Amino acid sequence: MARSESEEASKAGFDAFIRFHVAASTPTWCEGEDPPDYYLEFDRQRFAVDVSILLKQVMLGRARLRPRDVRDAFADFVREVELSAKQVRVLDGNYTVYMPRAIPNLRRVAPLLKARMLKFVATTGASPAGVQEEFYRVAGRRCVIEKVAEHGSGLFGGGPSDSLWATDAERELGELVAERIAAKAADLQRIVIPKVLLLDEQYPFAEAKMYRSLARPISGTDDFHTIYVHRRGLDGILLTSRLSSLDAVWNR
């Protein structure tokens, strides 16, 4: 069975984690039936191992999208407007389009927004840099097009913003972890051997210290023998484990 890059990376990360912290160990892996993704033999036990992704998502109407998909859609829209402006020869100068929040149903309102932006570009060709106009409003936040340079011929996009306060990021991370634990516990409820959950961290605001207060308060952790967070290029984090050989790692 072909495995995703996320599954393979998480498996390799946990394997390296075990080998590093338990020097005499030799983990043995084989494919699972999906679920689980893998079976692992280690410390004279057999485990069912499943992988899930910790990924921030954005609700737009009834759709749940990744922030990257939202930004890509916005960038495609800005390029479309730029091409149209160049085709009718009204793009005189460099302009920036700023969208602080994702626009629900962007494709549906795109013709209206495009017309407003093209009108602004066409009427400000002789204007100095600094002129701007609101072309839409989302959740009280202004979407603005601004002329940033009198020379050039380009339209550039900025946003939606990805910044979060640390307290908001920690809360959101906790919600993501709890949701993934609950979903995977349901998926694996018929498996009777000890279960290991590998969480592939792709949440952009996570910091190692944010995980310290998460494991015990989150319901569902008892459904898993071990929960490990794979952090790409960084040290992995053991959220919970009943492996005595890893107690020192878990409690550090």
C-alpha atoms as a PDB file:
ATOM      1  CA  MET A   1       0.000   0.000   0.000  1.00  0.00           C
ATOM      2  CA  ALA A   2       1.363   3.408  -0.969  1.00  0.00           C
ATOM      3  CA  ARG A   3       1.713   5.654   2.067  1.00  0.00           C
ATOM      4  CA  SER A   4       1.460   9.423   2.127  1.00  0.00           C
ATOM      5  CA  GLU A   5       4.492  11.589   2.789  1.00  0.00           C
ATOM      6  CA  SER A   6       2.953  12.564   6.136  1.00  0.00           C
ATOM      7  CA  GLU A   7       2.539   8.941   7.217  1.00  0.00           C
ATOM      8  CA  GLU A   8       6.058   7.953   6.188  1.00  0.00           C
ATOM      9  CA  ALA A   9       7.646  11.019   7.800  1.00  0.00           C
ATOM     10  CA  SER A  10       5.785  10.465  11.080  1.00  0.00           C
ATOM     11  CA  LYS A  11       6.712   6.789  11.143  1.00  0.00           C
ATOM     12  CA  ALA A  12      10.389   7.586  10.491  1.00  0.00           C
ATOM     13  CA  GLY A  13      10.335  10.305  13.141  1.00  0.00           C
ATOM     14  CA  PHE A  14       8.879   8.043  15.825  1.00  0.00           C
ATOM     15  CA  ASP A  15      11.259   5.224  14.865  1.00  0.00           C
ATOM     16  CA  ALA A  16      14.246   7.565  15.263  1.00  0.00           C
ATOM     17  CA  PHE A  17      12.815   8.863  18.559  1.00  0.00           C
ATOM     18  CA  ILE A  18      12.586   5.344  19.984  1.00  0.00           C
ATOM     19  CA  ARG A  19      16.037   4.330  18.785  1.00  0.00           C
ATOM     20  CA  PHE A  20      17.581   7.496  20.257  1.00  0.00           C
ATOM     21  CA  HIS A  21      15.958   7.277  23.681  1.00  0.00           C
ATOM     22  CA  VAL A  22      16.064   3.505  24.070  1.00  0.00           C
ATOM     23  CA  ALA A  23      19.474   2.594  22.744  1.00  0.00           C
ATOM     24  CA  ALA A  24      19.007  -1.187  22.829  1.00  0.00           C
ATOM     25  CA  SER A  25      15.696  -1.099  20.974  1.00  0.00           C
ATOM     26  CA  THR A  26      15.080  -2.417  17.476  1.00  0.00           C
ATOM     27  CA  PRO A  27      11.595  -1.358  16.351  1.00  0.00           C
ATOM     28  CA  THR A  28      10.010  -3.550  13.677  1.00  0.00           C
ATOM     29  CA  TRP A  29       7.320  -2.118  11.402  1.00  0.00           C
ATOM     30  CA  CYS A  30       4.817  -3.627   8.981  1.00  0.00           C
ATOM     31  CA  GLU A  31       1.856  -2.319   7.016  1.00  0.00           C
ATOM     32  CA  GLY A  32      -1.569  -2.116   8.637  1.00  0.00           C
ATOM     33  CA  GLU A  33      -5.035  -2.593   7.184  1.00  0.00           C
ATOM     34  CA  ASP A  34      -5.846   1.129   7.279  1.00  0.00           C
ATOM     35  CA  PRO A  35      -6.784   1.466  10.005  1.00  0.00           C
ATOM     36  CA  PRO A  36      -4.282   1.194  11.478  1.00  0.00           C
ATOM     37  CA  ASP A  37      -1.631   2.587   9.179  1.00  0.00           C
ATOM     38  CA  TYR A  38       1.123   0.379  10.655  1.00  0.00           C
ATOM     39  CA  TYR A  39       1.906  -2.298  13.200  1.00  0.00           C
ATOM     40  CA  LEU A  40       4.933  -1.820  15.401  1.00  0.00           C
ATOM     41  CA  GLU A  41       6.754  -4.456  17.459  1.00  0.00           C
ATOM     42  CA  PHE A  42       8.830  -2.928  20.198  1.00  0.00           C
ATOM     43  CA  ASP A  43       9.721  -3.665  23.815  1.00  0.00           C
ATOM     44  CA  ARG A  44       8.229  -7.180  23.398  1.00  0.00           C
ATOM     45  CA  GLN A  45       4.826  -5.701  22.567  1.00  0.00           C
ATOM     46  CA  ARG A  46       2.785  -5.241  19.409  1.00  0.00           C
ATOM     47  CA  PHE A  47       1.120  -1.898  18.732  1.00  0.00           C
ATOM     48  CA  ALA A  48      -1.390  -0.574  16.222  1.00  0.00           C
ATOM     49  CA  VAL A  49      -0.026   2.749  14.931  1.00  0.00           C
ATOM     50  CA  ASP A  50      -2.103   5.379  13.179  1.00  0.00           C
ATOM     51  CA  VAL A  51      -1.088   8.789  11.814  1.00  0.00           C
ATOM     52  CA  SER A  52      -3.055  12.026  11.737  1.00  0.00           C
ATOM     53  CA  ILE A  53      -2.190  15.600  10.769  1.00  0.00           C
ATOM     54  CA  LEU A  54      -2.349  18.634  13.052  1.00  0.00           C
ATOM     55  CA  LEU A  55      -3.419  21.199  10.512  1.00  0.00           C
ATOM     56  CA  LYS A  56      -5.095  24.568  10.913  1.00  0.00           C
ATOM     57  CA  GLN A  57      -8.240  24.888   8.820  1.00  0.00           C
ATOM     58  CA  VAL A  58     -10.509  27.791   7.922  1.00  0.00           C
ATOM     59  CA  MET A  59     -14.302  27.592   7.800  1.00  0.00           C
ATOM     60  CA  LEU A  60     -15.669  29.436   4.761  1.00  0.00           C
ATOM     61  CA  GLY A  61     -19.410  28.993   4.748  1.00  0.00           C
ATOM     62  CA  ARG A  62     -19.860  25.234   4.920  1.00  0.00           C
ATOM     63  CA  ALA A  63     -16.408  24.470   3.530  1.00  0.00           C
ATOM     64  CA  ARG A  64     -13.389  23.618   5.678  1.00  0.00           C
ATOM     65  CA  LEU A  65     -10.175  24.637   3.889  1.00  0.00           C
ATOM     66  CA  ARG A  66      -6.487  24.791   4.611  1.00  0.00           C
ATOM     67  CA  PRO A  67      -5.062  28.324   4.931  1.00  0.00           C
ATOM     68  CA  ARG A  68      -2.692  27.503   2.065  1.00  0.00           C
ATOM     69  CA  ASP A  69      -5.670  26.748  -0.183  1.00  0.00           C
ATOM     70  CA  VAL A  70      -7.314  30.043   0.822  1.00  0.00           C
ATOM     71  CA  ARG A  71      -4.138  31.996   0.041  1.00  0.00           C
ATOM     72  CA  ASP A  72      -3.650  30.166  -3.262  1.00  0.00           C
ATOM     73  CA  ALA A  73      -7.216  30.985  -4.331  1.00  0.00           C
ATOM     74  CA  PHE A  74      -6.685  34.635  -3.428  1.00  0.00           C
ATOM     75  CA  ALA A  75      -3.364  34.746  -5.310  1.00  0.00           C
ATOM     76  CA  ASP A  76      -5.022  33.229  -8.389  1.00  0.00           C
ATOM     77  CA  PHE A  77      -7.743  35.880  -8.196  1.00  0.00           C
ATOM     78  CA  VAL A  78      -5.209  38.726  -7.949  1.00  0.00           C
ATOM     79  CA  ARG A  79      -3.299  37.353 -10.957  1.00  0.00           C
ATOM     80  CA  GLU A  80      -6.569  37.180 -12.898  1.00  0.00           C
ATOM     81  CA  VAL A  81      -7.317  40.842 -12.147  1.00  0.00           C
ATOM     82  CA  GLU A  82      -3.738  41.830 -13.052  1.00  0.00           C
ATOM     83  CA  LEU A  83      -3.965  40.039 -16.406  1.00  0.00           C
ATOM     84  CA  SER A  84      -7.276  41.744 -17.200  1.00  0.00           C
ATOM     85  CA  ALA A  85      -5.855  45.164 -16.280  1.00  0.00           C
ATOM     86  CA  LYS A  86      -2.881  44.611 -18.561  1.00  0.00           C
ATOM     87  CA  GLN A  87      -5.061  43.408 -21.413  1.00  0.00           C
ATOM     88  CA  VAL A  88      -7.080  46.641 -21.381  1.00  0.00           C
ATOM     89  CA  ARG A  89      -3.901  48.693 -20.727  1.00  0.00           C
ATOM     90  CA  VAL A  90      -5.000  50.405 -17.517  1.00  0.00           C
ATOM     91  CA  LEU A  91      -2.276  49.140 -15.155  1.00  0.00           C
ATOM     92  CA  ASP A  92      -0.034  52.188 -14.780  1.00  0.00           C
ATOM     93  CA  GLY A  93       2.013  51.688 -11.608  1.00  0.00           C
ATOM     94  CA  ASN A  94       2.308  49.011  -8.934  1.00  0.00           C
ATOM     95  CA  TYR A  95      -0.685  48.155  -6.759  1.00  0.00           C
ATOM     96  CA  THR A  96      -1.197  45.993  -3.682  1.00  0.00           C
ATOM     97  CA  VAL A  97      -4.407  44.211  -2.787  1.00  0.00           C
ATOM     98  CA  TYR A  98      -4.709  43.479   0.935  1.00  0.00           C
ATOM     99  CA  MET A  99      -7.232  40.972   2.276  1.00  0.00           C
ATOM    100  CA  PRO A 100      -6.900  40.553   6.085  1.00  0.00           C
ATOM    101  CA  ARG A 101      -9.579  37.846   6.279  1.00  0.00           C
ATOM    102  CA  ALA A 102     -10.602  35.091   3.903  1.00  0.00           C
ATOM    103  CA  ILE A 103     -13.610  36.021   1.759  1.00  0.00           C
ATOM    104  CA  PRO A 104     -16.385  33.388   1.844  1.00  0.00           C
ATOM    105  CA  ASN A 105     -17.549  32.321  -1.617  1.00  0.00           C
ATOM    106  CA  LEU A 106     -14.727  34.234  -3.290  1.00  0.00           C
ATOM    107  CA  ARG A 107     -15.540  32.744  -6.706  1.00  0.00           C
ATOM    108  CA  ARG A 108     -19.148  33.945  -6.452  1.00  0.00           C
ATOM    109  CA  VAL A 109     -18.282  37.556  -5.554  1.00  0.00           C
ATOM    110  CA  ALA A 110     -15.143  37.654  -7.727  1.00  0.00           C
ATOM    111  CA  PRO A 111     -16.803  39.432 -10.706  1.00  0.00           C
ATOM    112  CA  LEU A 112     -18.001  42.280  -8.457  1.00  0.00           C
ATOM    113  CA  LEU A 113     -14.629  42.629  -6.716  1.00  0.00           C
ATOM    114  CA  LYS A 114     -12.780  42.447 -10.016  1.00  0.00           C
ATOM    115  CA  ALA A 115     -14.911  45.229 -11.504  1.00  0.00           C
ATOM    116  CA  ARG A 116     -14.282  47.458  -8.487  1.00  0.00           C
ATOM    117  CA  MET A 117     -10.536  46.868  -8.579  1.00  0.00           C
ATOM    118  CA  LEU A 118     -10.255  47.429 -12.327  1.00  0.00           C
ATOM    119  CA  LYS A 119     -12.202  50.685 -11.998  1.00  0.00           C
ATOM    120  CA  PHE A 120      -9.856  51.868  -9.250  1.00  0.00           C
ATOM    121  CA  VAL A 121      -6.757  50.985 -11.285  1.00  0.00           C
ATOM    122  CA  ALA A 122      -8.145  52.684 -14.395  1.00  0.00           C
ATOM    123  CA  THR A 123      -8.966  55.933 -12.557  1.00  0.00           C
ATOM    124  CA  THR A 124      -5.719  56.226 -10.560  1.00  0.00           C
ATOM    125  CA  GLY A 125      -3.140  55.779 -13.316  1.00  0.00           C
ATOM    126  CA  ALA A 126      -2.086  59.421 -13.005  1.00  0.00           C
ATOM    127  CA  SER A 127      -2.408  59.514  -9.200  1.00  0.00           C
ATOM    128  CA  PRO A 128       0.567  59.473  -6.825  1.00  0.00           C
ATOM    129  CA  ALA A 129       1.461  56.469  -4.696  1.00  0.00           C
ATOM    130  CA  GLY A 130      -0.571  56.180  -1.516  1.00  0.00           C
ATOM    131  CA  VAL A 131      -4.094  56.431  -2.892  1.00  0.00           C
ATOM    132  CA  GLN A 132      -6.263  53.547  -1.767  1.00  0.00           C
ATOM    133  CA  GLU A 133      -9.827  52.320  -1.720  1.00  0.00           C
ATOM    134  CA  GLU A 134     -11.826  49.758   0.201  1.00  0.00           C
ATOM    135  CA  PHE A 135     -13.327  47.233  -2.208  1.00  0.00           C
ATOM    136  CA  TYR A 136     -14.872  44.801   0.289  1.00  0.00           C
ATOM    137  CA  ARG A 137     -15.353  44.196   4.005  1.00  0.00           C
ATOM    138  CA  VAL A 138     -15.143  40.853   5.837  1.00  0.00           C
ATOM    139  CA  ALA A 139     -16.082  40.503   9.505  1.00  0.00           C
ATOM    140  CA  GLY A 140     -15.581  44.228   9.953  1.00  0.00           C
ATOM    141  CA  ARG A 141     -12.111  44.185   8.360  1.00  0.00           C
ATOM    142  CA  ARG A 142     -11.371  46.323   5.285  1.00  0.00           C
ATOM    143  CA  CYS A 143     -10.119  44.745   2.057  1.00  0.00           C
ATOM    144  CA  VAL A 144      -8.099  47.485   0.367  1.00  0.00           C
ATOM    145  CA  ILE A 145      -6.405  48.108  -2.972  1.00  0.00           C
ATOM    146  CA  GLU A 146      -3.603  50.679  -2.846  1.00  0.00           C
ATOM    147  CA  LYS A 147      -1.250  52.223  -5.361  1.00  0.00           C
ATOM    148  CA  VAL A 148       2.225  51.712  -3.908  1.00  0.00           C
ATOM    149  CA  ALA A 149       4.460  52.984  -6.736  1.00  0.00           C
ATOM    150  CA  GLU A 150       3.998  55.281  -9.709  1.00  0.00           C
ATOM    151  CA  HIS A 151       6.376  53.230 -11.819  1.00  0.00           C
ATOM    152  CA  GLY A 152       5.913  49.618 -12.829  1.00  0.00           C
ATOM    153  CA  SER A 153       2.937  47.604 -13.946  1.00  0.00           C
ATOM    154  CA  GLY A 154       1.988  45.014 -11.353  1.00  0.00           C
ATOM    155  CA  LEU A 155      -0.729  43.928  -8.970  1.00  0.00           C
ATOM    156  CA  PHE A 156       0.346  42.133  -5.805  1.00  0.00           C
ATOM    157  CA  GLY A 157      -1.686  40.400  -3.098  1.00  0.00           C
ATOM    158  CA  GLY A 158      -1.269  40.344   0.664  1.00  0.00           C
ATOM    159  CA  GLY A 159      -3.174  38.179   3.140  1.00  0.00           C
ATOM    160  CA  PRO A 160      -5.141  36.613   4.620  1.00  0.00           C
ATOM    161  CA  SER A 161      -3.155  37.208   7.791  1.00  0.00           C
ATOM    162  CA  ASP A 162      -1.726  34.141   9.540  1.00  0.00           C
ATOM    163  CA  SER A 163      -0.656  35.892  12.732  1.00  0.00           C
ATOM    164  CA  LEU A 164      -2.048  34.820  16.119  1.00  0.00           C
ATOM    165  CA  TRP A 165      -1.386  35.833  19.710  1.00  0.00           C
ATOM    166  CA  ALA A 166       0.455  33.088  21.592  1.00  0.00           C
ATOM    167  CA  THR A 167      -2.522  32.451  23.902  1.00  0.00           C
ATOM    168  CA  ASP A 168      -4.861  32.096  20.908  1.00  0.00           C
ATOM    169  CA  ALA A 169      -2.422  29.758  19.169  1.00  0.00           C
ATOM    170  CA  GLU A 170      -2.100  27.579  22.281  1.00  0.00           C
ATOM    171  CA  ARG A 171      -5.889  27.370  22.611  1.00  0.00           C
ATOM    172  CA  GLU A 172      -6.288  26.526  18.926  1.00  0.00           C
ATOM    173  CA  LEU A 173      -3.535  23.907  19.094  1.00  0.00           C
ATOM    174  CA  GLY A 174      -5.265  22.299  22.066  1.00  0.00           C
ATOM    175  CA  GLU A 175      -8.523  22.158  20.108  1.00  0.00           C
ATOM    176  CA  LEU A 176      -6.758  20.577  17.115  1.00  0.00           C
ATOM    177  CA  VAL A 177      -5.073  17.940  19.290  1.00  0.00           C
ATOM    178  CA  ALA A 178      -8.325  17.128  21.099  1.00  0.00           C
ATOM    179  CA  GLU A 179     -10.255  16.836  17.828  1.00  0.00           C
ATOM    180  CA  ARG A 180      -7.651  14.529  16.276  1.00  0.00           C
ATOM    181  CA  ILE A 181      -7.502  12.312  19.379  1.00  0.00           C
ATOM    182  CA  ALA A 182     -11.293  11.981  19.468  1.00  0.00           C
ATOM    183  CA  ALA A 183     -11.544  11.241  15.728  1.00  0.00           C
ATOM    184  CA  LYS A 184      -8.801   8.620  15.785  1.00  0.00           C
ATOM    185  CA  ALA A 185     -10.129   7.003  18.963  1.00  0.00           C
ATOM    186  CA  ALA A 186     -13.417   6.495  17.114  1.00  0.00           C
ATOM    187  CA  ASP A 187     -11.658   5.127  14.008  1.00  0.00           C
ATOM    188  CA  LEU A 188      -9.633   2.621  16.047  1.00  0.00           C
ATOM    189  CA  GLN A 189     -12.197   1.623  18.671  1.00  0.00           C
ATOM    190  CA  ARG A 190     -12.421  -1.982  17.444  1.00  0.00           C
ATOM    191  CA  ILE A 191      -8.690  -2.568  17.713  1.00  0.00           C
ATOM    192  CA  VAL A 192      -7.908  -4.347  20.967  1.00  0.00           C
ATOM    193  CA  ILE A 193      -4.101  -4.270  21.052  1.00  0.00           C
ATOM    194  CA  PRO A 194      -2.328  -1.172  22.456  1.00  0.00           C
ATOM    195  CA  LYS A 195      -2.661   1.819  20.120  1.00  0.00           C
ATOM    196  CA  VAL A 196      -0.128   4.502  19.224  1.00  0.00           C
ATOM    197  CA  LEU A 197      -1.192   7.822  17.669  1.00  0.00           C
ATOM    198  CA  LEU A 198       1.348   9.805  15.665  1.00  0.00           C
ATOM    199  CA  LEU A 199       0.413  13.452  15.124  1.00  0.00           C
ATOM    200  CA  ASP A 200       2.200  15.065  12.192  1.00  0.00           C
ATOM    201  CA  GLU A 201       2.527  18.722  13.197  1.00  0.00           C
ATOM    202  CA  GLN A 202       1.667  21.021  10.307  1.00  0.00           C
ATOM    203  CA  TYR A 203       0.112  23.724  12.464  1.00  0.00           C
ATOM    204  CA  PRO A 204       2.166  26.870  11.719  1.00  0.00           C
ATOM    205  CA  PHE A 205       2.036  28.454  15.199  1.00  0.00           C
ATOM    206  CA  ALA A 206       2.957  25.478  17.396  1.00  0.00           C
ATOM    207  CA  GLU A 207       5.808  25.774  19.876  1.00  0.00           C
ATOM    208  CA  ALA A 208       7.192  22.934  21.970  1.00  0.00           C
ATOM    209  CA  LYS A 209       6.219  24.582  25.251  1.00  0.00           C
ATOM    210  CA  MET A 210       2.564  24.721  24.186  1.00  0.00           C
ATOM    211  CA  TYR A 211       2.260  20.941  24.456  1.00  0.00           C
ATOM    212  CA  ARG A 212       3.249  20.668  28.113  1.00  0.00           C
ATOM    213  CA  SER A 213      -0.210  21.493  29.435  1.00  0.00           C
ATOM    214  CA  LEU A 214      -2.187  19.618  26.789  1.00  0.00           C
ATOM    215  CA  ALA A 215      -1.911  15.878  27.414  1.00  0.00           C
ATOM    216  CA  ARG A 216      -3.618  15.312  30.748  1.00  0.00           C
ATOM    217  CA  PRO A 217      -6.588  17.714  30.385  1.00  0.00           C
ATOM    218  CA  ILE A 218      -7.555  16.412  26.939  1.00  0.00           C
ATOM    219  CA  SER A 219     -10.134  13.652  27.079  1.00  0.00           C
ATOM    220  CA  GLY A 220      -9.422  10.558  25.039  1.00  0.00           C
ATOM    221  CA  THR A 221      -5.726  10.256  25.795  1.00  0.00           C
ATOM    222  CA  ASP A 222      -6.469   7.077  27.771  1.00  0.00           C
ATOM    223  CA  ASP A 223      -7.589   5.443  24.521  1.00  0.00           C
ATOM    224  CA  PHE A 224      -3.970   5.421  23.391  1.00  0.00           C
ATOM    225  CA  HIS A 225      -0.938   3.732  24.818  1.00  0.00           C
ATOM    226  CA  THR A 226       1.304   6.435  23.355  1.00  0.00           C
ATOM    227  CA  ILE A 227       0.716   9.750  21.598  1.00  0.00           C
ATOM    228  CA  TYR A 228       3.706  11.260  19.806  1.00  0.00           C
ATOM    229  CA  VAL A 229       3.947  14.570  17.928  1.00  0.00           C
ATOM    230  CA  HIS A 230       6.222  14.511  14.901  1.00  0.00           C
ATOM    231  CA  ARG A 231       7.685  17.983  14.372  1.00  0.00           C
ATOM    232  CA  ARG A 232       9.476  18.305  11.045  1.00  0.00           C
ATOM    233  CA  GLY A 233      13.132  19.162  11.461  1.00  0.00           C
ATOM    234  CA  LEU A 234      12.647  19.531  15.222  1.00  0.00           C
ATOM    235  CA  ASP A 235      12.629  17.310  18.297  1.00  0.00           C
ATOM    236  CA  GLY A 236       9.502  15.202  18.571  1.00  0.00           C
ATOM    237  CA  ILE A 237       7.243  15.461  21.613  1.00  0.00           C
ATOM    238  CA  LEU A 238       5.799  12.607  23.629  1.00  0.00           C
ATOM    239  CA  LEU A 239       2.351  13.696  24.814  1.00  0.00           C
ATOM    240  CA  THR A 240       1.579  10.506  26.710  1.00  0.00           C
ATOM    241  CA  SER A 241       3.068   7.029  27.023  1.00  0.00           C
ATOM    242  CA  ARG A 242       2.902   3.915  29.185  1.00  0.00           C
ATOM    243  CA  LEU A 243       6.332   2.741  28.082  1.00  0.00           C
ATOM    244  CA  SER A 244       8.443   2.589  31.236  1.00  0.00           C
ATOM    245  CA  SER A 245      11.553   2.957  29.098  1.00  0.00           C
ATOM    246  CA  LEU A 246      10.316   6.393  28.000  1.00  0.00           C
ATOM    247  CA  ASP A 247       9.168   7.701  31.392  1.00  0.00           C
ATOM    248  CA  ALA A 248      12.182   9.969  31.695  1.00  0.00           C
ATOM    249  CA  VAL A 249      11.456  11.482  28.291  1.00  0.00           C
ATOM    250  CA  TRP A 250       7.773  12.017  29.040  1.00  0.00           C
ATOM    251  CA  ASN A 251       8.357  13.604  32.437  1.00  0.00           C
ATOM    252  CA  ARG A 252      11.289  15.834  31.535  1.00  0.00           C
END
